[in-house]
Amino acid sequence: RIGGVPLIDGGTVRLPRMIGMSRALDMILTGRGVSADEALQFGLANRVVPKGKAKEEAIRLATEISRHPWMCLRHDRLSCHEQVSLPFKIAMKNELLHGLQSIP
């Protein structure tokens, strides 16, 4: 929290959904930041790398991801985002439709 400005960037919606109400309220109401290890524990970060190694790790990760067909990655990502608001059976059908679109 900076200067008493309320959150209007989706933080009060997304953060509780990501890390739970208790942790989210702690961060939102106190305005405190979290360490890298705490962010990892909360699920806000997927990995922590040694200081000075972030760029190297980012390049390694990008290289790993880029080895996969871009169309598959695109549709898998879309399916992941879209499933949040869909009932399970419809989300499964949606995943299949995305999968079929990514097969040449």
Foldseek 3Di string as FASTA:
>chain_A
DPPPDADPPCLVPPVCVQQNDVVSCVCRVVVDDDDPVVCCVSVVDVDDDPPPCVVVVVVVVVVVVVVDDPLLVVLVVVLVVVCVPDDPVVSVVSSVVSVVVSDD
